[in-house]
Amino acid sequence: MITTLFSFFAELTFWQEFESRFNFIAVDYLIYTYEVIHNINESYPLPLLISGMVVLTIAITYIFHILKLFKSSFESKVKTSKRIIISSTLITSAILFALIAKNSWPEKGNNRYANELGKAGIYSFFAAFKNNELNYHDFYSLIGNDSAFTIVRNQLKEKSDIFQSGNSIFRTIAGTNSSYKPNVILITVESLSAEFLAHYGNTQHITPILDSLADNSVFFSNMYATGTRTVRGMEALTLAIPPTPGSSIVRRMDNENLFTVGHVFKDKGYTNTFFYGGDGYFDNMNHFFGTNGYNIVDRGRKLLDETYEGSRTIIQDKEVTFENAWGICDGDIFNIVIKNADEKYKNHQLFNNFIMTTSNHRPYTFPEKQIKMPSGTREAAVLYTDYAIGQFLDKIKKKAWYKNTVVIIVADHCASSAGKNEIDISKYQIPCLILNLRNQPKMNISKMTSQIDLFPTLWGFLGWNYKSEFYGKNVLNESYEPRIFLGTYQKLVYMKGDSIVLLSPHRKIDTYLYNKIRNEQKPTIFPKKIINEGIANYQTAFDLFKDGKLRF
């Protein structure tokens, strides 16, 4: 009873705030529990409201008792067998309804309020949790659709690019030489903040390998992650798209056969493989990669309803020396990658590997006696991951296939995104390195860059011609204007130079001037042009995915 009453009053309050049934903002409230409880406590007389609901629950229960509603229900003369049949039918009907009915069905009219009233509050909440998205058009600032695509196309266009007509970003990128086709190994390191490296001022000496590599590689010293979760990093690195409201596309429905980085490699004759030391069923990773052109190697279990484009290999016990709740240690997954690469090389197959590490994640445990620090702390986990990467590189340098292999090391996101600002820019900065590019001297790319720019820049180094439906750019092109995209589940940031445009629900727009040295954001009024650029990128990215136009 109290749950029903709480839901009733919560939905009324939510409607007053957002003029909507429960949506992903409500789901977001469960994610940021600490902030939300404090906000509610400051906005409403919480003790009084809770006491009132308890009193109301007792009163309603007492009335039911007086009217003997409970008693008549318990004393029903319906046979037990019939009760079971009725209960089973109701439960089955509810499950089928949840599987078949879509919360978007009422959204047929032109009046948003009427559409929202046609929904059920509780069902809307669970539908939002399932769909993992928030409708950009309903809650964020908009500009004309044609104008939005014109802005984005102008930002993306290079001299020789050929765009498809209409509201699209699909284009042909003109390269210089497509004959160089190295194997590519992408090591996506869990929670590797830039602040862990000595290059960014750390004095703990927990990344000696990475710091040494940064001095002898193509080093993106000013790169930023798009989000705060692994699946958001995966989204950026495979789709090269800004972070739209809600959760990552990796976790959403209808995310199959998208135009991914893997499809560009596939067109060039590569085999794509996703390696994960844990269960790839978690966060929908296997479904996303498996239905978007990647083979899968993970430590999960076999499911009966798997329908992947490629193969799936489950890591066996004999291949594992250490494992915790998140998966096998980084050293073990690297050994499995080497074994897989040996097989690909033997069969004359070019390979593009996406490796997701797990050791730098709580509980921060790993094989003992491999580094000087014991398990259990973040610093130790970072040092172990750094050590494991060093061991991996030492091993593959002895392989025949290494001379034609490029290794990329990048973080999925930072270790922590909390800060003194609504979105703390410094908490999104990550390291990124490209190793073993042929005839390429070391280079420090100090321009501000995004995760979404990584592969377009790599393909620029390789001189490839390719089809693109990516928001990422080759940052070495003369026309590149430094800008990044950052987001939480609700807040969306477009940062160009030191100018920050922050988009929020309620169609709210905040603008700040960013001082990187002091890590300060000062409220400032910007020209409409830069604000519209921010809106245009997020608005078109949402539309292209929602309308199914990011398909391969």
Protein backbone atom coordinates (compact mmCIF):
# COMPACT_ATOMS: atom_id res chain seq x y z
CA MET A 1 0.00 0.00 0.00
CA ILE A 2 2.74 2.46 0.94
CA THR A 3 4.54 1.67 -2.34
CA THR A 4 1.41 2.53 -4.31
CA LEU A 5 0.94 5.80 -2.43
CA PHE A 6 4.60 6.72 -2.79
CA SER A 7 4.43 6.09 -6.55
CA PHE A 8 1.27 8.21 -6.82
CA PHE A 9 2.74 11.23 -5.08
CA ALA A 10 6.14 10.80 -6.76
CA GLU A 11 4.51 10.85 -10.18
CA LEU A 12 2.54 13.99 -9.35
CA THR A 13 5.75 15.71 -8.24
CA PHE A 14 7.63 14.47 -11.31
CA TRP A 15 4.88 15.82 -13.60
CA GLN A 16 5.06 19.24 -11.91
CA GLU A 17 8.80 19.31 -12.59
CA PHE A 18 9.03 17.81 -16.10
CA GLU A 19 5.43 17.73 -17.43
CA SER A 20 5.92 14.09 -18.29
CA ARG A 21 5.35 10.56 -17.08
CA PHE A 22 8.35 8.84 -15.56
CA ASN A 23 11.22 8.71 -18.06
CA PHE A 24 14.98 8.18 -17.98
CA ILE A 25 15.39 11.18 -15.70
CA ALA A 26 13.55 9.16 -13.06
CA VAL A 27 15.90 6.25 -13.71
CA ASP A 28 18.79 8.70 -13.46
CA TYR A 29 17.56 9.65 -9.98
CA LEU A 30 18.22 6.09 -8.85
CA ILE A 31 21.76 6.29 -10.25
CA TYR A 32 22.61 9.55 -8.46
CA THR A 33 20.91 8.60 -5.19
CA TYR A 34 23.05 10.78 -2.90
CA GLU A 35 22.51 13.99 -4.88
CA VAL A 36 18.81 13.31 -5.43
CA ILE A 37 17.98 12.57 -1.77
CA HIS A 38 19.76 15.74 -0.67
CA ASN A 39 17.97 17.76 -3.36
CA ILE A 40 14.55 16.38 -2.35
CA ASN A 41 15.31 16.94 1.32
CA GLU A 42 16.18 20.58 0.61
CA SER A 43 13.16 21.11 -1.67
CA TYR A 44 10.40 19.40 0.32
CA PRO A 45 9.57 18.77 4.01
CA LEU A 46 10.63 15.12 3.67
CA PRO A 47 9.97 13.98 7.30
CA LEU A 48 6.47 15.47 7.14
CA LEU A 49 5.71 13.88 3.76
CA ILE A 50 6.93 10.43 4.82
CA SER A 51 5.01 10.63 8.09
CA GLY A 52 1.91 11.67 6.16
CA MET A 53 2.18 8.69 3.82
CA VAL A 54 2.64 6.29 6.73
CA VAL A 55 -0.44 7.73 8.49
CA LEU A 56 -2.44 7.57 5.24
CA THR A 57 -1.38 3.96 4.66
CA ILE A 58 -2.47 2.98 8.18
CA ALA A 59 -5.79 4.79 7.71
CA ILE A 60 -6.56 3.11 4.37
CA THR A 61 -5.56 -0.28 5.74
CA TYR A 62 -7.84 0.27 8.75
CA ILE A 63 -10.76 1.23 6.48
CA PHE A 64 -10.22 -1.91 4.42
CA HIS A 65 -10.21 -3.89 7.65
CA ILE A 66 -13.47 -2.29 8.85
CA LEU A 67 -15.15 -2.99 5.50
CA LYS A 68 -13.84 -6.56 5.72
CA LEU A 69 -12.30 -6.29 2.24
CA PHE A 70 -9.23 -8.25 3.27
CA LYS A 71 -11.31 -10.86 5.05
CA SER A 72 -13.67 -11.46 2.14
CA SER A 73 -10.68 -11.85 -0.12
CA PHE A 74 -9.00 -14.42 2.11
CA GLU A 75 -12.22 -16.32 2.67
CA SER A 76 -12.93 -16.73 -1.02
CA LYS A 77 -14.60 -20.05 -1.79
CA VAL A 78 -12.85 -20.36 -5.14
CA LYS A 79 -10.93 -23.62 -5.31
CA THR A 80 -7.15 -23.53 -5.00
CA SER A 81 -6.70 -24.99 -8.48
CA LYS A 82 -8.80 -22.22 -10.02
CA ARG A 83 -6.88 -19.60 -8.03
CA ILE A 84 -3.64 -20.95 -9.47
CA ILE A 85 -5.04 -20.86 -13.01
CA ILE A 86 -6.33 -17.29 -12.58
CA SER A 87 -3.07 -16.12 -11.00
CA SER A 88 -0.97 -17.80 -13.67
CA THR A 89 -3.07 -16.25 -16.43
CA LEU A 90 -2.75 -12.77 -14.94
CA ILE A 91 1.03 -13.14 -14.45
CA THR A 92 1.52 -14.51 -17.99
CA SER A 93 -0.60 -11.72 -19.46
CA ALA A 94 1.43 -9.10 -17.58
CA ILE A 95 4.73 -10.58 -18.82
CA LEU A 96 3.51 -10.76 -22.42
CA PHE A 97 2.25 -7.19 -22.22
CA ALA A 98 5.63 -6.02 -20.93
CA LEU A 99 7.44 -7.83 -23.75
CA ILE A 100 5.12 -6.71 -26.56
CA ALA A 101 3.70 -3.31 -25.61
CA LYS A 102 5.95 -0.32 -26.30
CA ASN A 103 5.76 2.84 -24.26
CA SER A 104 5.98 4.82 -27.50
CA TRP A 105 2.58 3.58 -28.73
CA PRO A 106 0.67 6.55 -27.23
CA GLU A 107 3.05 9.00 -28.95
CA LYS A 108 0.94 9.31 -32.10
CA GLY A 109 -0.56 12.75 -31.63
CA ASN A 110 0.88 16.22 -32.07
CA ASN A 111 0.13 17.23 -28.47
CA ARG A 112 2.93 16.03 -26.17
CA TYR A 113 0.79 16.41 -23.02
CA ALA A 114 -1.94 14.20 -24.49
CA ASN A 115 0.70 11.65 -25.50
CA GLU A 116 2.14 11.59 -21.99
CA LEU A 117 -1.27 11.27 -20.33
CA GLY A 118 -1.93 8.22 -22.50
CA LYS A 119 0.87 6.37 -20.72
CA ALA A 120 0.96 4.58 -17.37
CA GLY A 121 3.42 6.01 -14.87
CA ILE A 122 4.94 2.83 -13.45
CA TYR A 123 5.08 1.16 -16.85
CA SER A 124 6.79 4.28 -18.23
CA PHE A 125 9.46 3.99 -15.53
CA PHE A 126 10.33 0.40 -16.37
CA ALA A 127 10.13 1.16 -20.11
CA ALA A 128 12.64 4.00 -19.59
CA PHE A 129 14.93 1.62 -17.69
CA LYS A 130 14.65 -0.89 -20.54
CA ASN A 131 15.11 1.59 -23.41
CA ASN A 132 17.87 3.58 -21.72
CA GLU A 133 17.15 6.82 -23.52
CA LEU A 134 15.62 10.25 -23.05
CA ASN A 135 13.86 11.94 -25.95
CA TYR A 136 16.03 14.91 -26.91
CA HIS A 137 13.17 16.75 -28.63
CA ASP A 138 10.97 16.71 -25.54
CA PHE A 139 13.47 18.07 -23.03
CA TYR A 140 16.33 19.93 -24.73
CA SER A 141 16.74 23.12 -26.74
CA LEU A 142 16.16 22.74 -30.48
CA ILE A 143 16.90 24.53 -33.70
CA GLY A 144 15.43 23.86 -37.15
CA ASN A 145 16.33 20.40 -38.42
CA ASP A 146 17.70 21.64 -41.75
CA SER A 147 19.79 24.27 -39.98
CA ALA A 148 21.12 21.67 -37.53
CA PHE A 149 22.35 19.35 -40.29
CA THR A 150 23.82 22.28 -42.24
CA ILE A 151 25.87 23.29 -39.19
CA VAL A 152 27.14 19.75 -38.56
CA ARG A 153 27.94 19.06 -42.21
CA ASN A 154 29.93 22.29 -42.42
CA GLN A 155 31.86 21.32 -39.29
CA LEU A 156 32.65 17.85 -40.63
CA LYS A 157 33.45 18.72 -44.23
CA GLU A 158 36.99 18.47 -45.55
CA LYS A 159 38.10 19.70 -48.97
CA SER A 160 37.70 16.41 -50.85
CA ASP A 161 34.77 14.90 -48.90
CA ILE A 162 31.63 14.00 -50.83
CA PHE A 163 28.40 14.16 -48.79
CA GLN A 164 25.18 12.30 -49.44
CA SER A 165 22.32 14.70 -50.18
CA GLY A 166 19.65 15.51 -47.60
CA ASN A 167 19.77 15.59 -43.81
CA SER A 168 22.63 13.15 -43.40
CA ILE A 169 26.30 13.15 -42.45
CA PHE A 170 27.10 10.13 -44.64
CA ARG A 171 30.12 10.96 -46.75
CA THR A 172 33.14 9.59 -48.55
CA ILE A 173 36.51 10.45 -47.01
CA ALA A 174 39.29 10.88 -49.56
CA GLY A 175 42.61 9.45 -48.42
CA THR A 176 46.12 9.61 -49.84
CA ASN A 177 47.19 5.96 -49.92
CA SER A 178 45.07 2.94 -49.01
CA SER A 179 47.79 0.31 -49.41
CA TYR A 180 49.00 0.40 -45.79
CA LYS A 181 46.84 -2.05 -43.84
CA PRO A 182 48.31 -2.92 -40.45
CA ASN A 183 46.64 -5.10 -37.85
CA VAL A 184 45.10 -2.96 -35.13
CA ILE A 185 44.97 -3.82 -31.43
CA LEU A 186 42.95 -1.38 -29.33
CA ILE A 187 43.55 -1.74 -25.59
CA THR A 188 40.72 0.07 -23.80
CA VAL A 189 41.87 0.43 -20.20
CA GLU A 190 39.29 0.52 -17.45
CA SER A 191 39.14 3.87 -15.58
CA LEU A 192 42.56 5.14 -16.68
CA SER A 193 42.44 8.81 -15.73
CA ALA A 194 45.07 11.11 -17.19
CA GLU A 195 45.93 12.15 -13.63
CA PHE A 196 47.49 8.71 -13.00
CA LEU A 197 50.36 9.43 -15.43
CA ALA A 198 53.48 11.38 -14.58
CA HIS A 199 52.94 13.31 -17.81
CA TYR A 200 49.99 15.00 -16.09
CA GLY A 201 51.77 15.64 -12.81
CA ASN A 202 51.35 12.38 -10.88
CA THR A 203 54.27 11.65 -8.53
CA GLN A 204 53.28 8.13 -7.40
CA HIS A 205 55.19 6.36 -10.22
CA ILE A 206 52.29 3.98 -10.93
CA THR A 207 52.47 4.15 -14.76
CA PRO A 208 56.18 3.79 -15.65
CA ILE A 209 55.43 1.80 -18.83
CA LEU A 210 52.77 4.17 -20.13
CA ASP A 211 54.87 7.23 -19.34
CA SER A 212 57.80 5.74 -21.25
CA LEU A 213 55.54 4.87 -24.19
CA ALA A 214 54.09 8.38 -24.25
CA ASP A 215 57.57 9.72 -24.97
CA ASN A 216 57.96 7.42 -27.97
CA SER A 217 54.57 7.28 -29.65
CA VAL A 218 51.82 9.33 -31.21
CA PHE A 219 50.55 10.71 -27.92
CA PHE A 220 47.19 12.47 -27.62
CA SER A 221 48.03 14.52 -24.55
CA ASN A 222 44.76 16.48 -24.48
CA MET A 223 42.05 13.88 -25.15
CA TYR A 224 38.72 13.67 -23.32
CA ALA A 225 36.30 10.80 -22.76
CA THR A 226 32.68 11.37 -23.72
CA GLY A 227 31.19 9.87 -20.56
CA THR A 228 31.65 8.29 -17.16
CA ARG A 229 30.94 4.62 -17.88
CA THR A 230 32.60 1.85 -19.87
CA VAL A 231 29.69 1.49 -22.30
CA ARG A 232 29.85 5.22 -23.06
CA GLY A 233 33.52 4.84 -23.96
CA MET A 234 32.68 1.85 -26.15
CA GLU A 235 30.01 3.90 -27.88
CA ALA A 236 32.51 6.70 -28.63
CA LEU A 237 35.23 4.34 -29.84
CA THR A 238 32.99 2.25 -32.11
CA LEU A 239 30.37 4.76 -33.34
CA ALA A 240 32.32 8.04 -33.05
CA ILE A 241 29.14 9.83 -31.96
CA PRO A 242 28.40 12.42 -29.24
CA PRO A 243 26.78 11.07 -26.04
CA THR A 244 23.02 11.47 -26.47
CA PRO A 245 20.69 11.70 -23.40
CA GLY A 246 20.11 8.53 -21.41
CA SER A 247 22.50 5.63 -21.37
CA SER A 248 24.98 4.55 -24.01
CA ILE A 249 23.71 3.21 -27.34
CA VAL A 250 25.52 -0.01 -26.38
CA ARG A 251 22.74 -0.63 -23.82
CA ARG A 252 19.77 0.50 -25.89
CA MET A 253 17.23 -1.34 -27.97
CA ASP A 254 17.45 -1.38 -31.80
CA ASN A 255 21.22 -0.97 -31.79
CA GLU A 256 21.98 -3.69 -34.35
CA ASN A 257 23.73 -3.23 -37.74
CA LEU A 258 24.91 0.29 -36.99
CA PHE A 259 27.64 2.03 -38.95
CA THR A 260 30.64 1.23 -36.77
CA VAL A 261 34.41 1.49 -36.88
CA GLY A 262 34.38 -2.28 -37.32
CA HIS A 263 32.52 -1.99 -40.63
CA VAL A 264 35.22 0.28 -42.04
CA PHE A 265 37.79 -2.37 -41.12
CA LYS A 266 35.59 -5.12 -42.52
CA ASP A 267 35.41 -3.30 -45.87
CA LYS A 268 39.20 -3.32 -45.91
CA GLY A 269 39.33 -7.09 -45.38
CA TYR A 270 39.79 -7.23 -41.61
CA THR A 271 38.29 -9.58 -39.04
CA ASN A 272 36.93 -7.73 -35.98
CA THR A 273 37.02 -9.29 -32.50
CA PHE A 274 35.85 -8.00 -29.12
CA PHE A 275 37.82 -9.38 -26.14
CA TYR A 276 36.48 -9.09 -22.61
CA GLY A 277 37.72 -10.87 -19.50
CA GLY A 278 34.28 -10.86 -17.85
CA ASP A 279 30.80 -11.87 -18.95
CA GLY A 280 29.94 -9.84 -22.04
CA TYR A 281 26.25 -10.29 -21.29
CA PHE A 282 26.75 -7.52 -18.72
CA ASP A 283 25.69 -4.09 -20.03
CA ASN A 284 24.56 -5.68 -23.32
CA MET A 285 28.14 -5.68 -24.63
CA ASN A 286 27.98 -9.02 -26.43
CA HIS A 287 24.72 -8.14 -28.15
CA PHE A 288 26.09 -4.80 -29.31
CA PHE A 289 29.40 -6.08 -30.63
CA GLY A 290 27.97 -9.39 -31.86
CA THR A 291 25.31 -7.71 -33.99
CA ASN A 292 27.65 -5.03 -35.31
CA GLY A 293 30.29 -7.04 -37.10
CA TYR A 294 32.52 -8.34 -34.30
CA ASN A 295 33.43 -11.84 -33.18
CA ILE A 296 33.35 -12.22 -29.39
CA VAL A 297 35.81 -13.73 -26.92
CA ASP A 298 34.62 -13.48 -23.31
CA ARG A 299 34.38 -15.29 -19.99
CA GLY A 300 30.59 -15.56 -20.01
CA ARG A 301 28.10 -18.34 -20.36
CA LYS A 302 26.44 -19.69 -23.46
CA LEU A 303 22.91 -18.36 -23.98
CA LEU A 304 20.27 -20.09 -26.07
CA ASP A 305 19.01 -16.97 -27.86
CA GLU A 306 22.32 -15.69 -29.22
CA THR A 307 22.03 -14.36 -32.78
CA TYR A 308 25.39 -12.80 -33.56
CA GLU A 309 26.84 -12.05 -36.98
CA GLY A 310 30.16 -13.58 -36.04
CA SER A 311 31.43 -16.30 -33.75
CA ARG A 312 31.66 -16.39 -29.97
CA THR A 313 34.41 -18.09 -28.01
CA ILE A 314 34.11 -18.60 -24.27
CA ILE A 315 37.36 -18.38 -22.31
CA GLN A 316 38.11 -21.74 -20.67
CA ASP A 317 39.28 -22.37 -17.09
CA LYS A 318 42.66 -23.66 -18.28
CA GLU A 319 43.41 -20.25 -19.80
CA VAL A 320 42.84 -18.41 -16.52
CA THR A 321 45.44 -17.89 -13.77
CA PHE A 322 43.52 -15.24 -11.80
CA GLU A 323 39.90 -14.13 -11.69
CA ASN A 324 37.70 -11.89 -9.57
CA ALA A 325 34.08 -10.79 -9.73
CA TRP A 326 34.70 -8.62 -12.81
CA GLY A 327 36.63 -11.19 -14.80
CA ILE A 328 40.08 -12.52 -15.51
CA CYS A 329 43.17 -10.41 -14.91
CA ASP A 330 44.62 -8.22 -17.64
CA GLY A 331 47.62 -10.49 -18.07
CA ASP A 332 45.35 -13.44 -18.90
CA ILE A 333 43.22 -11.55 -21.44
CA PHE A 334 46.38 -10.29 -23.16
CA ASN A 335 47.69 -13.86 -23.47
CA ILE A 336 44.40 -14.91 -25.06
CA VAL A 337 44.66 -12.01 -27.52
CA ILE A 338 48.18 -13.14 -28.50
CA LYS A 339 46.99 -16.70 -29.08
CA ASN A 340 44.12 -15.45 -31.22
CA ALA A 341 46.44 -13.17 -33.22
CA ASP A 342 48.80 -16.09 -33.88
CA GLU A 343 45.89 -18.05 -35.39
CA LYS A 344 44.76 -15.09 -37.51
CA TYR A 345 48.30 -14.54 -38.81
CA LYS A 346 48.66 -18.23 -39.64
CA ASN A 347 45.46 -18.00 -41.71
CA HIS A 348 46.61 -14.77 -43.41
CA GLN A 349 43.84 -12.70 -41.81
CA LEU A 350 44.16 -9.03 -41.00
CA PHE A 351 42.67 -8.34 -37.57
CA ASN A 352 41.14 -5.43 -35.68
CA ASN A 353 40.89 -6.25 -31.97
CA PHE A 354 38.95 -4.34 -29.32
CA ILE A 355 40.20 -5.35 -25.86
CA MET A 356 38.40 -4.24 -22.70
CA THR A 357 40.46 -4.64 -19.53
CA THR A 358 39.02 -5.21 -16.04
CA SER A 359 41.82 -5.20 -13.44
CA ASN A 360 41.62 -1.46 -12.72
CA HIS A 361 38.14 -1.87 -11.25
CA ARG A 362 37.00 -2.44 -7.71
CA PRO A 363 37.90 -4.73 -5.87
CA TYR A 364 41.31 -3.93 -7.47
CA THR A 365 42.65 -7.46 -7.13
CA PHE A 366 45.20 -9.20 -9.39
CA PRO A 367 47.89 -11.93 -9.24
CA GLU A 368 50.18 -11.46 -6.28
CA LYS A 369 53.96 -10.92 -6.48
CA GLN A 370 53.89 -9.48 -10.00
CA ILE A 371 54.30 -5.91 -8.75
CA LYS A 372 55.60 -4.50 -5.48
CA MET A 373 52.20 -3.33 -4.23
CA PRO A 374 49.57 -5.70 -2.75
CA SER A 375 46.06 -5.97 -4.19
CA GLY A 376 43.16 -3.91 -2.93
CA THR A 377 43.84 -0.28 -3.84
CA ARG A 378 43.25 1.77 -6.98
CA GLU A 379 46.93 2.75 -7.17
CA ALA A 380 48.01 -0.89 -7.06
CA ALA A 381 45.53 -1.83 -9.77
CA VAL A 382 46.81 0.95 -12.03
CA LEU A 383 50.39 -0.21 -11.48
CA TYR A 384 49.41 -3.83 -12.26
CA THR A 385 47.59 -2.83 -15.47
CA ASP A 386 50.62 -0.78 -16.51
CA TYR A 387 52.84 -3.82 -15.80
CA ALA A 388 50.54 -6.16 -17.76
CA ILE A 389 50.61 -3.82 -20.78
CA GLY A 390 54.40 -3.81 -20.64
CA GLN A 391 54.50 -7.62 -20.53
CA PHE A 392 52.06 -7.81 -23.44
CA LEU A 393 54.15 -5.48 -25.60
CA ASP A 394 57.35 -7.38 -24.79
CA LYS A 395 55.71 -10.63 -25.93
CA ILE A 396 54.18 -9.38 -29.16
CA LYS A 397 57.39 -7.65 -30.27
CA LYS A 398 58.78 -11.15 -30.79
CA LYS A 399 55.90 -12.15 -33.08
CA ALA A 400 56.19 -12.13 -36.86
CA TRP A 401 52.95 -10.19 -37.13
CA TYR A 402 54.09 -7.32 -34.89
CA LYS A 403 55.97 -5.43 -37.61
CA ASN A 404 52.61 -4.87 -39.34
CA THR A 405 50.59 -4.19 -36.19
CA VAL A 406 49.51 -0.90 -34.66
CA VAL A 407 48.73 -0.87 -30.93
CA ILE A 408 46.44 1.77 -29.44
CA ILE A 409 46.09 2.36 -25.70
CA VAL A 410 43.21 4.53 -24.49
CA ALA A 411 40.95 4.81 -21.44
CA ASP A 412 37.22 4.09 -21.50
CA HIS A 413 36.62 6.89 -18.96
CA CYS A 414 38.18 8.43 -15.87
CA ALA A 415 38.29 6.89 -12.42
CA SER A 416 36.00 9.58 -11.02
CA SER A 417 33.82 12.27 -12.58
CA ALA A 418 32.68 14.04 -9.43
CA GLY A 419 33.88 17.61 -9.02
CA LYS A 420 33.03 21.10 -7.88
CA ASN A 421 31.23 21.94 -11.13
CA GLU A 422 28.10 20.41 -12.69
CA ILE A 423 30.42 18.67 -15.12
CA ASP A 424 34.07 18.80 -14.08
CA ILE A 425 36.02 18.93 -17.35
CA SER A 426 39.25 17.77 -15.72
CA LYS A 427 37.56 14.53 -14.66
CA TYR A 428 37.10 13.55 -18.31
CA GLN A 429 40.72 13.89 -19.48
CA ILE A 430 42.29 10.58 -20.54
CA PRO A 431 45.57 9.44 -22.09
CA CYS A 432 45.72 7.94 -25.58
CA LEU A 433 48.71 6.49 -27.44
CA ILE A 434 49.25 4.98 -30.90
CA LEU A 435 52.30 2.71 -31.11
CA ASN A 436 54.25 1.18 -34.01
CA LEU A 437 52.90 3.23 -36.91
CA ARG A 438 55.13 2.62 -39.92
CA ASN A 439 57.51 5.46 -40.78
CA GLN A 440 55.84 7.70 -38.21
CA PRO A 441 58.11 9.56 -35.76
CA LYS A 442 56.93 10.27 -32.25
CA MET A 443 54.41 13.08 -32.00
CA ASN A 444 52.62 14.90 -29.21
CA ILE A 445 49.14 15.93 -30.36
CA SER A 446 48.36 18.68 -27.88
CA LYS A 447 45.15 19.83 -29.58
CA MET A 448 42.01 19.23 -27.55
CA THR A 449 40.51 16.01 -28.96
CA SER A 450 37.69 13.59 -28.20
CA GLN A 451 37.52 9.80 -28.06
CA ILE A 452 35.35 10.00 -31.18
CA ASP A 453 38.32 11.43 -33.13
CA LEU A 454 40.66 8.50 -32.48
CA PHE A 455 39.91 6.24 -35.44
CA PRO A 456 39.35 9.00 -38.02
CA THR A 457 42.80 10.29 -37.05
CA LEU A 458 44.32 6.79 -37.28
CA TRP A 459 42.82 6.31 -40.75
CA GLY A 460 44.31 9.69 -41.67
CA PHE A 461 47.75 8.35 -40.71
CA LEU A 462 47.07 5.24 -42.83
CA GLY A 463 45.86 7.35 -45.77
CA TRP A 464 42.62 5.43 -46.17
CA ASN A 465 39.64 6.19 -48.39
CA TYR A 466 36.47 5.13 -46.59
CA LYS A 467 32.77 5.73 -46.08
CA SER A 468 31.91 7.62 -42.91
CA GLU A 469 28.87 8.32 -40.83
CA PHE A 470 30.97 9.43 -37.88
CA TYR A 471 31.07 12.71 -35.98
CA GLY A 472 34.76 12.15 -35.32
CA LYS A 473 37.40 13.92 -37.41
CA ASN A 474 41.05 13.57 -38.33
CA VAL A 475 42.45 16.11 -35.86
CA LEU A 476 45.57 16.62 -37.98
CA ASN A 477 43.60 18.16 -40.83
CA GLU A 478 44.04 21.90 -41.25
CA SER A 479 40.31 22.53 -40.92
CA TYR A 480 40.02 20.82 -37.51
CA GLU A 481 38.69 23.16 -34.83
CA PRO A 482 39.26 21.69 -31.35
CA ARG A 483 35.97 20.71 -29.71
CA ILE A 484 34.83 17.91 -27.43
CA PHE A 485 31.57 16.31 -26.33
CA LEU A 486 30.94 15.26 -22.71
CA GLY A 487 27.86 13.95 -20.99
CA THR A 488 26.22 12.37 -18.01
CA TYR A 489 22.80 10.75 -18.34
CA GLN A 490 21.15 14.21 -18.52
CA LYS A 491 23.81 16.89 -18.91
CA LEU A 492 25.31 17.39 -22.36
CA VAL A 493 28.44 19.48 -22.92
CA TYR A 494 29.81 20.98 -26.11
CA MET A 495 33.19 22.56 -25.50
CA LYS A 496 34.98 24.49 -28.23
CA GLY A 497 38.30 25.97 -27.24
CA ASP A 498 37.65 27.30 -23.73
CA SER A 499 33.91 27.87 -24.34
CA ILE A 500 31.45 25.49 -22.67
CA VAL A 501 27.84 25.07 -23.71
CA LEU A 502 25.90 22.97 -21.17
CA LEU A 503 22.52 21.59 -22.29
CA SER A 504 20.05 20.29 -19.69
CA PRO A 505 16.38 19.21 -19.47
CA HIS A 506 13.78 22.00 -19.31
CA ARG A 507 15.49 23.23 -22.53
CA LYS A 508 18.03 24.90 -20.27
CA ILE A 509 21.27 26.31 -21.68
CA ASP A 510 24.22 27.43 -19.56
CA THR A 511 27.44 28.89 -20.95
CA TYR A 512 30.82 29.11 -19.24
CA LEU A 513 34.38 30.14 -19.94
CA TYR A 514 36.80 27.41 -18.83
CA ASN A 515 40.15 28.09 -17.16
CA LYS A 516 42.03 24.80 -17.43
CA ILE A 517 44.92 25.81 -15.16
CA ARG A 518 42.57 26.68 -12.30
CA ASN A 519 39.90 24.16 -13.36
CA GLU A 520 37.30 26.89 -13.06
CA GLN A 521 34.14 27.60 -15.04
CA LYS A 522 33.00 31.21 -15.17
CA PRO A 523 29.43 31.98 -16.39
CA THR A 524 29.69 33.93 -19.64
CA ILE A 525 27.37 35.02 -22.44
CA PHE A 526 28.30 33.48 -25.82
CA PRO A 527 27.32 34.32 -29.41
CA LYS A 528 24.40 32.28 -30.72
CA LYS A 529 26.66 30.58 -33.27
CA ILE A 530 28.56 28.43 -30.75
CA ILE A 531 25.38 27.60 -28.82
CA ASN A 532 23.72 26.43 -32.03
CA GLU A 533 26.76 24.29 -32.84
CA GLY A 534 26.32 22.46 -29.56
CA ILE A 535 22.59 21.99 -30.06
CA ALA A 536 23.05 20.89 -33.68
CA ASN A 537 25.51 18.11 -32.85
CA TYR A 538 23.40 16.57 -30.10
CA GLN A 539 20.09 17.07 -31.90
CA THR A 540 21.25 15.45 -35.14
CA ALA A 541 23.04 12.61 -33.35
CA PHE A 542 19.82 11.77 -31.50
CA ASP A 543 17.75 11.99 -34.69
CA LEU A 544 20.07 9.82 -36.77
CA PHE A 545 20.03 7.02 -34.22
CA LYS A 546 16.31 7.33 -33.39
CA ASP A 547 15.32 7.35 -37.06
CA GLY A 548 17.49 4.33 -37.88
CA LYS A 549 19.77 6.32 -40.19
CA LEU A 550 23.01 5.12 -38.61
CA ARG A 551 22.52 1.69 -40.17
CA PHE A 552 25.24 0.06 -42.20
